[in-house]
Amino acid sequence: MIDIRNVSIPRGRITGFIGLGGAGRSTLLSALFGSERALREVSLDGQPYDPHSPRQAIARRVGLVPEDRKIQGLMVGRSIWHNMIIAFNKKGFGTAKQRSFSKPKEIASALGVRFHDFSQLGGQLSGGNQQKVVLSKWLVNESNVLLLDEPTRGLDVGAKVELFNEVHKIADSGAAVAVTSSELPEVMMHCDTIYVLYEGQVKEFFVTQGLSAEDILHVVITGEVRNA
């Protein structure tokens, strides 16, 4: 169980969460997505938010890109098209409407997903393009809260840069974005604010502008808040 009270993930910003292995980074995002237990007093757009399942979170336009994309995020044996529309669940959205549905094409183009055609299997894509497809399904569903758990894990340097370029665009469009990472330089470079987790608790909050790695590492490693 993790305590996620007093955490704010504002729209138009990228909020980072960092901590040692087992500190609760993935659990925190899973709790916000309704798939883990947590102590929480959470609101979303001014209304109480307490999802008891991912389905309830998705209904509130919250999307999760999980740490293990091939097991939890991507259906490697299904088409790119199916992966991109799986979260889009509109009444009356049958095969006929799917044929004229343009949003997946628009999103794929905007994110620069490289593939032959939409019938190509997800498992045939490169790691960076797989991650973009996982991200795409939440954009197709018009999610305005995106939870990204170690989004660049296993990607090469170029793919990491491309992915975060798109994440910044998503935040700039007005979405609330939360990112967990085990790489401190990545979090400091791309996040506006950072929460440090230690043994399942949020220990400290930092604004990244002017932040030194030494200050944040002290809390990450010891759980001790300086000048407390």
C-alpha atoms as a PDB file:
ATOM      1  CA  MET A   1       0.000   0.000   0.000  1.00  0.00           C
ATOM      2  CA  ILE A   2       1.212   3.504  -0.779  1.00  0.00           C
ATOM      3  CA  ASP A   3       0.207   6.897   0.554  1.00  0.00           C
ATOM      4  CA  ILE A   4      -0.424   9.313  -2.300  1.00  0.00           C
ATOM      5  CA  ARG A   5      -2.067  12.125  -0.403  1.00  0.00           C
ATOM      6  CA  ASN A   6      -0.759  15.663  -0.937  1.00  0.00           C
ATOM      7  CA  VAL A   7       0.410  14.911  -4.479  1.00  0.00           C
ATOM      8  CA  SER A   8      -0.499  17.350  -7.254  1.00  0.00           C
ATOM      9  CA  ILE A   9      -0.207  16.573 -10.966  1.00  0.00           C
ATOM     10  CA  PRO A  10      -1.250  19.800 -12.698  1.00  0.00           C
ATOM     11  CA  ARG A  11      -2.363  20.165 -16.280  1.00  0.00           C
ATOM     12  CA  GLY A  12       0.176  21.510 -18.743  1.00  0.00           C
ATOM     13  CA  ARG A  13       3.118  20.181 -16.716  1.00  0.00           C
ATOM     14  CA  ILE A  14       5.238  17.047 -16.464  1.00  0.00           C
ATOM     15  CA  THR A  15       5.444  15.800 -12.890  1.00  0.00           C
ATOM     16  CA  GLY A  16       8.220  13.357 -12.031  1.00  0.00           C
ATOM     17  CA  PHE A  17       8.404  10.617  -9.410  1.00  0.00           C
ATOM     18  CA  ILE A  18      11.728   9.084  -8.467  1.00  0.00           C
ATOM     19  CA  GLY A  19      13.024   6.673  -5.853  1.00  0.00           C
ATOM     20  CA  LEU A  20      15.065   3.536  -5.368  1.00  0.00           C
ATOM     21  CA  GLY A  21      13.756   0.149  -6.484  1.00  0.00           C
ATOM     22  CA  GLY A  22      10.838  -0.806  -4.264  1.00  0.00           C
ATOM     23  CA  ALA A  23      10.157   2.795  -3.224  1.00  0.00           C
ATOM     24  CA  GLY A  24       6.699   2.627  -4.776  1.00  0.00           C
ATOM     25  CA  ARG A  25       6.987   4.436  -8.117  1.00  0.00           C
ATOM     26  CA  SER A  26       5.042   1.888 -10.155  1.00  0.00           C
ATOM     27  CA  THR A  27       2.600   1.248  -7.311  1.00  0.00           C
ATOM     28  CA  LEU A  28       1.754   4.940  -7.159  1.00  0.00           C
ATOM     29  CA  LEU A  29       0.815   5.120 -10.826  1.00  0.00           C
ATOM     30  CA  SER A  30      -1.045   1.805 -10.637  1.00  0.00           C
ATOM     31  CA  ALA A  31      -3.045   3.192  -7.715  1.00  0.00           C
ATOM     32  CA  LEU A  32      -3.976   6.261  -9.740  1.00  0.00           C
ATOM     33  CA  PHE A  33      -5.043   3.911 -12.523  1.00  0.00           C
ATOM     34  CA  GLY A  34      -7.253   1.875 -10.198  1.00  0.00           C
ATOM     35  CA  SER A  35      -5.250  -1.357 -10.248  1.00  0.00           C
ATOM     36  CA  GLU A  36      -3.501  -1.080  -6.842  1.00  0.00           C
ATOM     37  CA  ARG A  37      -4.565  -0.242  -3.295  1.00  0.00           C
ATOM     38  CA  ALA A  38      -3.499   3.071  -1.828  1.00  0.00           C
ATOM     39  CA  LEU A  39      -4.239   5.599   0.852  1.00  0.00           C
ATOM     40  CA  ARG A  40      -5.561   8.432  -1.204  1.00  0.00           C
ATOM     41  CA  GLU A  41      -7.528  11.626  -1.057  1.00  0.00           C
ATOM     42  CA  VAL A  42      -7.499  12.428  -4.732  1.00  0.00           C
ATOM     43  CA  SER A  43      -9.511  14.801  -6.872  1.00  0.00           C
ATOM     44  CA  LEU A  44      -9.592  15.134 -10.639  1.00  0.00           C
ATOM     45  CA  ASP A  45     -10.747  18.402 -12.159  1.00  0.00           C
ATOM     46  CA  GLY A  46     -12.261  19.374  -8.837  1.00  0.00           C
ATOM     47  CA  GLN A  47     -14.254  16.153  -8.399  1.00  0.00           C
ATOM     48  CA  PRO A  48     -13.463  13.165  -6.114  1.00  0.00           C
ATOM     49  CA  TYR A  49     -11.405  10.526  -7.907  1.00  0.00           C
ATOM     50  CA  ASP A  50     -11.229   7.053  -6.426  1.00  0.00           C
ATOM     51  CA  PRO A  51     -11.078   4.424  -9.207  1.00  0.00           C
ATOM     52  CA  HIS A  52     -11.519   0.814  -8.133  1.00  0.00           C
ATOM     53  CA  SER A  53     -10.549  -0.558 -11.529  1.00  0.00           C
ATOM     54  CA  PRO A  54      -8.717   0.538 -14.687  1.00  0.00           C
ATOM     55  CA  ARG A  55     -12.094   0.682 -16.442  1.00  0.00           C
ATOM     56  CA  GLN A  56     -13.219   3.408 -14.034  1.00  0.00           C
ATOM     57  CA  ALA A  57      -9.964   5.310 -14.565  1.00  0.00           C
ATOM     58  CA  ILE A  58     -10.297   5.091 -18.340  1.00  0.00           C
ATOM     59  CA  ALA A  59     -13.849   6.423 -18.076  1.00  0.00           C
ATOM     60  CA  ARG A  60     -12.356   9.527 -16.408  1.00  0.00           C
ATOM     61  CA  ARG A  61      -9.874   9.896 -19.284  1.00  0.00           C
ATOM     62  CA  VAL A  62      -6.864   8.596 -17.350  1.00  0.00           C
ATOM     63  CA  GLY A  63      -4.340   6.422 -19.211  1.00  0.00           C
ATOM     64  CA  LEU A  64      -1.349   4.373 -18.056  1.00  0.00           C
ATOM     65  CA  VAL A  65       1.741   3.447 -20.072  1.00  0.00           C
ATOM     66  CA  PRO A  66       3.076   0.576 -17.925  1.00  0.00           C
ATOM     67  CA  GLU A  67       6.680  -0.270 -17.198  1.00  0.00           C
ATOM     68  CA  ASP A  68       6.633  -3.508 -19.221  1.00  0.00           C
ATOM     69  CA  ARG A  69       5.089  -2.551 -22.544  1.00  0.00           C
ATOM     70  CA  LYS A  70       5.252  -6.031 -24.120  1.00  0.00           C
ATOM     71  CA  ILE A  71       3.433  -7.771 -21.258  1.00  0.00           C
ATOM     72  CA  GLN A  72       1.150  -5.045 -19.896  1.00  0.00           C
ATOM     73  CA  GLY A  73       0.877  -2.349 -22.541  1.00  0.00           C
ATOM     74  CA  LEU A  74       1.020  -3.831 -26.026  1.00  0.00           C
ATOM     75  CA  MET A  75      -0.783  -6.768 -27.588  1.00  0.00           C
ATOM     76  CA  VAL A  76       2.150  -8.005 -29.639  1.00  0.00           C
ATOM     77  CA  GLY A  77       0.032 -10.505 -31.572  1.00  0.00           C
ATOM     78  CA  ARG A  78      -2.636  -7.985 -32.581  1.00  0.00           C
ATOM     79  CA  SER A  79      -2.544  -5.310 -35.256  1.00  0.00           C
ATOM     80  CA  ILE A  80      -1.377  -1.764 -34.715  1.00  0.00           C
ATOM     81  CA  TRP A  81      -4.925  -0.634 -35.466  1.00  0.00           C
ATOM     82  CA  HIS A  82      -6.392  -2.883 -32.770  1.00  0.00           C
ATOM     83  CA  ASN A  83      -3.796  -1.703 -30.245  1.00  0.00           C
ATOM     84  CA  MET A  84      -4.607   1.921 -30.959  1.00  0.00           C
ATOM     85  CA  ILE A  85      -8.398   1.694 -30.666  1.00  0.00           C
ATOM     86  CA  ILE A  86      -8.630  -0.826 -27.796  1.00  0.00           C
ATOM     87  CA  ALA A  87      -9.279   1.884 -25.183  1.00  0.00           C
ATOM     88  CA  PHE A  88     -11.742   3.739 -27.405  1.00  0.00           C
ATOM     89  CA  ASN A  89     -15.089   2.350 -26.327  1.00  0.00           C
ATOM     90  CA  LYS A  90     -17.906   4.368 -27.785  1.00  0.00           C
ATOM     91  CA  LYS A  91     -21.456   3.090 -28.073  1.00  0.00           C
ATOM     92  CA  GLY A  92     -22.211   1.947 -31.587  1.00  0.00           C
ATOM     93  CA  PHE A  93     -18.551   1.946 -32.606  1.00  0.00           C
ATOM     94  CA  GLY A  94     -18.740  -1.097 -34.884  1.00  0.00           C
ATOM     95  CA  THR A  95     -16.738  -2.302 -37.860  1.00  0.00           C
ATOM     96  CA  ALA A  96     -18.372   0.116 -40.300  1.00  0.00           C
ATOM     97  CA  LYS A  97     -17.446   3.144 -38.191  1.00  0.00           C
ATOM     98  CA  GLN A  98     -13.941   1.809 -37.594  1.00  0.00           C
ATOM     99  CA  ARG A  99     -13.266   1.928 -41.333  1.00  0.00           C
ATOM    100  CA  SER A 100     -13.938   5.676 -41.412  1.00  0.00           C
ATOM    101  CA  PHE A 101     -12.314   6.437 -38.045  1.00  0.00           C
ATOM    102  CA  SER A 102      -9.473   8.858 -38.793  1.00  0.00           C
ATOM    103  CA  LYS A 103      -8.097   9.579 -35.321  1.00  0.00           C
ATOM    104  CA  PRO A 104      -5.594   6.653 -35.169  1.00  0.00           C
ATOM    105  CA  LYS A 105      -4.114   7.802 -38.468  1.00  0.00           C
ATOM    106  CA  GLU A 106      -3.845  11.376 -37.216  1.00  0.00           C
ATOM    107  CA  ILE A 107      -2.219  10.312 -33.934  1.00  0.00           C
ATOM    108  CA  ALA A 108       0.201   7.900 -35.615  1.00  0.00           C
ATOM    109  CA  SER A 109       1.275  10.657 -37.980  1.00  0.00           C
ATOM    110  CA  ALA A 110       1.656  13.206 -35.174  1.00  0.00           C
ATOM    111  CA  LEU A 111       3.792  10.839 -33.090  1.00  0.00           C
ATOM    112  CA  GLY A 112       5.827   9.712 -36.075  1.00  0.00           C
ATOM    113  CA  VAL A 113       5.053   6.005 -35.619  1.00  0.00           C
ATOM    114  CA  ARG A 114       6.994   4.079 -38.279  1.00  0.00           C
ATOM    115  CA  PHE A 115       5.159   1.050 -39.696  1.00  0.00           C
ATOM    116  CA  HIS A 116       4.114  -0.486 -43.009  1.00  0.00           C
ATOM    117  CA  ASP A 117       0.349  -0.375 -42.482  1.00  0.00           C
ATOM    118  CA  PHE A 118      -2.177  -0.658 -39.657  1.00  0.00           C
ATOM    119  CA  SER A 119      -2.531  -4.402 -40.144  1.00  0.00           C
ATOM    120  CA  GLN A 120       1.095  -4.944 -39.088  1.00  0.00           C
ATOM    121  CA  LEU A 121       1.430  -6.731 -35.747  1.00  0.00           C
ATOM    122  CA  GLY A 122       2.530  -4.696 -32.751  1.00  0.00           C
ATOM    123  CA  GLY A 123       5.284  -7.172 -31.972  1.00  0.00           C
ATOM    124  CA  GLN A 124       6.940  -6.461 -35.323  1.00  0.00           C
ATOM    125  CA  LEU A 125       7.726  -2.842 -34.449  1.00  0.00           C
ATOM    126  CA  SER A 126      10.916  -1.481 -32.921  1.00  0.00           C
ATOM    127  CA  GLY A 127      10.888  -0.729 -29.194  1.00  0.00           C
ATOM    128  CA  GLY A 128      10.473   2.997 -29.717  1.00  0.00           C
ATOM    129  CA  ASN A 129       7.570   2.544 -32.098  1.00  0.00           C
ATOM    130  CA  GLN A 130       5.928   0.009 -29.783  1.00  0.00           C
ATOM    131  CA  GLN A 131       6.049   2.568 -26.991  1.00  0.00           C
ATOM    132  CA  LYS A 132       4.530   5.205 -29.261  1.00  0.00           C
ATOM    133  CA  VAL A 133       1.665   2.831 -30.106  1.00  0.00           C
ATOM    134  CA  VAL A 134       1.039   2.195 -26.397  1.00  0.00           C
ATOM    135  CA  LEU A 135       0.964   5.956 -25.858  1.00  0.00           C
ATOM    136  CA  SER A 136      -1.224   6.441 -28.936  1.00  0.00           C
ATOM    137  CA  LYS A 137      -4.161   4.435 -27.598  1.00  0.00           C
ATOM    138  CA  TRP A 138      -4.630   6.948 -24.791  1.00  0.00           C
ATOM    139  CA  LEU A 139      -4.468   9.874 -27.218  1.00  0.00           C
ATOM    140  CA  VAL A 140      -7.066   8.177 -29.421  1.00  0.00           C
ATOM    141  CA  ASN A 141      -9.214   7.894 -26.296  1.00  0.00           C
ATOM    142  CA  GLU A 142      -8.631  11.621 -25.635  1.00  0.00           C
ATOM    143  CA  SER A 143      -7.111  10.961 -22.219  1.00  0.00           C
ATOM    144  CA  ASN A 144      -6.199  14.154 -20.410  1.00  0.00           C
ATOM    145  CA  VAL A 145      -4.214  12.501 -17.613  1.00  0.00           C
ATOM    146  CA  LEU A 146      -1.262  10.356 -18.714  1.00  0.00           C
ATOM    147  CA  LEU A 147       0.671   8.163 -16.303  1.00  0.00           C
ATOM    148  CA  LEU A 148       4.013   7.059 -17.796  1.00  0.00           C
ATOM    149  CA  ASP A 149       5.893   4.358 -15.881  1.00  0.00           C
ATOM    150  CA  GLU A 150       9.552   4.160 -16.963  1.00  0.00           C
ATOM    151  CA  PRO A 151       8.512   5.178 -20.500  1.00  0.00           C
ATOM    152  CA  THR A 152      12.024   5.077 -21.989  1.00  0.00           C
ATOM    153  CA  ARG A 153      13.180   1.764 -20.502  1.00  0.00           C
ATOM    154  CA  GLY A 154      14.817  -0.398 -23.177  1.00  0.00           C
ATOM    155  CA  LEU A 155      14.855   2.365 -25.800  1.00  0.00           C
ATOM    156  CA  ASP A 156      17.943   3.643 -27.563  1.00  0.00           C
ATOM    157  CA  VAL A 157      19.058   7.258 -27.159  1.00  0.00           C
ATOM    158  CA  GLY A 158      17.335   8.476 -30.306  1.00  0.00           C
ATOM    159  CA  ALA A 159      14.031   6.820 -29.402  1.00  0.00           C
ATOM    160  CA  LYS A 160      14.177   8.341 -25.913  1.00  0.00           C
ATOM    161  CA  VAL A 161      14.571  11.824 -27.360  1.00  0.00           C
ATOM    162  CA  GLU A 162      11.699  11.284 -29.804  1.00  0.00           C
ATOM    163  CA  LEU A 163       9.392   9.959 -27.100  1.00  0.00           C
ATOM    164  CA  PHE A 164       9.997  12.829 -24.703  1.00  0.00           C
ATOM    165  CA  ASN A 165       9.572  15.362 -27.516  1.00  0.00           C
ATOM    166  CA  GLU A 166       6.049  13.995 -27.920  1.00  0.00           C
ATOM    167  CA  VAL A 167       5.423  13.899 -24.166  1.00  0.00           C
ATOM    168  CA  HIS A 168       6.290  17.591 -23.940  1.00  0.00           C
ATOM    169  CA  LYS A 169       3.846  18.346 -26.755  1.00  0.00           C
ATOM    170  CA  ILE A 170       1.124  16.412 -24.938  1.00  0.00           C
ATOM    171  CA  ALA A 171       1.727  18.372 -21.737  1.00  0.00           C
ATOM    172  CA  ASP A 172       1.819  21.648 -23.662  1.00  0.00           C
ATOM    173  CA  SER A 173      -1.599  20.787 -25.104  1.00  0.00           C
ATOM    174  CA  GLY A 174      -3.042  20.882 -21.584  1.00  0.00           C
ATOM    175  CA  ALA A 175      -2.773  17.292 -20.370  1.00  0.00           C
ATOM    176  CA  ALA A 176      -1.533  16.368 -16.917  1.00  0.00           C
ATOM    177  CA  VAL A 177       1.489  14.071 -17.268  1.00  0.00           C
ATOM    178  CA  ALA A 178       3.147  11.990 -14.538  1.00  0.00           C
ATOM    179  CA  VAL A 179       6.446  10.214 -15.217  1.00  0.00           C
ATOM    180  CA  THR A 180       8.342   7.713 -13.096  1.00  0.00           C
ATOM    181  CA  SER A 181      11.963   6.964 -13.860  1.00  0.00           C
ATOM    182  CA  SER A 182      15.010   5.398 -12.240  1.00  0.00           C
ATOM    183  CA  GLU A 183      17.205   7.797 -14.211  1.00  0.00           C
ATOM    184  CA  LEU A 184      17.661  11.041 -12.275  1.00  0.00           C
ATOM    185  CA  PRO A 185      19.124  13.055 -15.201  1.00  0.00           C
ATOM    186  CA  GLU A 186      16.077  12.158 -17.303  1.00  0.00           C
ATOM    187  CA  VAL A 187      13.656  13.322 -14.634  1.00  0.00           C
ATOM    188  CA  MET A 188      15.586  16.536 -13.961  1.00  0.00           C
ATOM    189  CA  MET A 189      15.762  17.338 -17.674  1.00  0.00           C
ATOM    190  CA  HIS A 190      12.124  16.760 -18.583  1.00  0.00           C
ATOM    191  CA  CYS A 191       9.998  17.285 -15.457  1.00  0.00           C
ATOM    192  CA  ASP A 192       8.815  20.588 -14.041  1.00  0.00           C
ATOM    193  CA  THR A 193       8.529  19.214 -10.511  1.00  0.00           C
ATOM    194  CA  ILE A 194       9.730  16.032  -8.791  1.00  0.00           C
ATOM    195  CA  TYR A 195       8.370  13.981  -5.891  1.00  0.00           C
ATOM    196  CA  VAL A 196      10.786  11.665  -4.094  1.00  0.00           C
ATOM    197  CA  LEU A 197       9.376   8.352  -2.851  1.00  0.00           C
ATOM    198  CA  TYR A 198      10.967   6.334  -0.073  1.00  0.00           C
ATOM    199  CA  GLU A 199       9.512   3.082   1.271  1.00  0.00           C
ATOM    200  CA  GLY A 200       6.037   3.846  -0.045  1.00  0.00           C
ATOM    201  CA  GLN A 201       5.865   7.434   1.147  1.00  0.00           C
ATOM    202  CA  VAL A 202       6.263  10.741  -0.607  1.00  0.00           C
ATOM    203  CA  LYS A 203       9.184  12.271   1.271  1.00  0.00           C
ATOM    204  CA  GLU A 204       9.951  15.495  -0.550  1.00  0.00           C
ATOM    205  CA  PHE A 205       8.848  17.754  -3.362  1.00  0.00           C
ATOM    206  CA  PHE A 206      11.243  19.689  -5.601  1.00  0.00           C
ATOM    207  CA  VAL A 207      10.958  22.283  -8.336  1.00  0.00           C
ATOM    208  CA  THR A 208      13.535  21.277 -10.924  1.00  0.00           C
ATOM    209  CA  GLN A 209      14.611  24.790 -11.887  1.00  0.00           C
ATOM    210  CA  GLY A 210      17.879  25.392 -10.045  1.00  0.00           C
ATOM    211  CA  LEU A 211      17.780  21.942  -8.428  1.00  0.00           C
ATOM    212  CA  SER A 212      21.058  20.114  -7.807  1.00  0.00           C
ATOM    213  CA  ALA A 213      21.403  16.358  -8.176  1.00  0.00           C
ATOM    214  CA  GLU A 214      23.073  16.216  -4.764  1.00  0.00           C
ATOM    215  CA  ASP A 215      20.013  17.588  -2.978  1.00  0.00           C
ATOM    216  CA  ILE A 216      17.607  15.119  -4.519  1.00  0.00           C
ATOM    217  CA  LEU A 217      19.941  12.118  -4.231  1.00  0.00           C
ATOM    218  CA  HIS A 218      20.239  12.656  -0.478  1.00  0.00           C
ATOM    219  CA  VAL A 219      16.495  12.162  -0.068  1.00  0.00           C
ATOM    220  CA  VAL A 220      16.339   9.304  -2.594  1.00  0.00           C
ATOM    221  CA  ILE A 221      19.023   7.309  -0.767  1.00  0.00           C
ATOM    222  CA  THR A 222      18.327   8.125   2.890  1.00  0.00           C
ATOM    223  CA  GLY A 223      14.698   9.197   2.992  1.00  0.00           C
ATOM    224  CA  GLU A 224      15.835  12.158   5.109  1.00  0.00           C
ATOM    225  CA  VAL A 225      14.513  15.594   4.295  1.00  0.00           C
ATOM    226  CA  ARG A 226      17.158  18.279   4.614  1.00  0.00           C
ATOM    227  CA  ASN A 227      16.368  21.335   6.695  1.00  0.00           C
ATOM    228  CA  ALA A 228      13.201  19.632   7.935  1.00  0.00           C
END
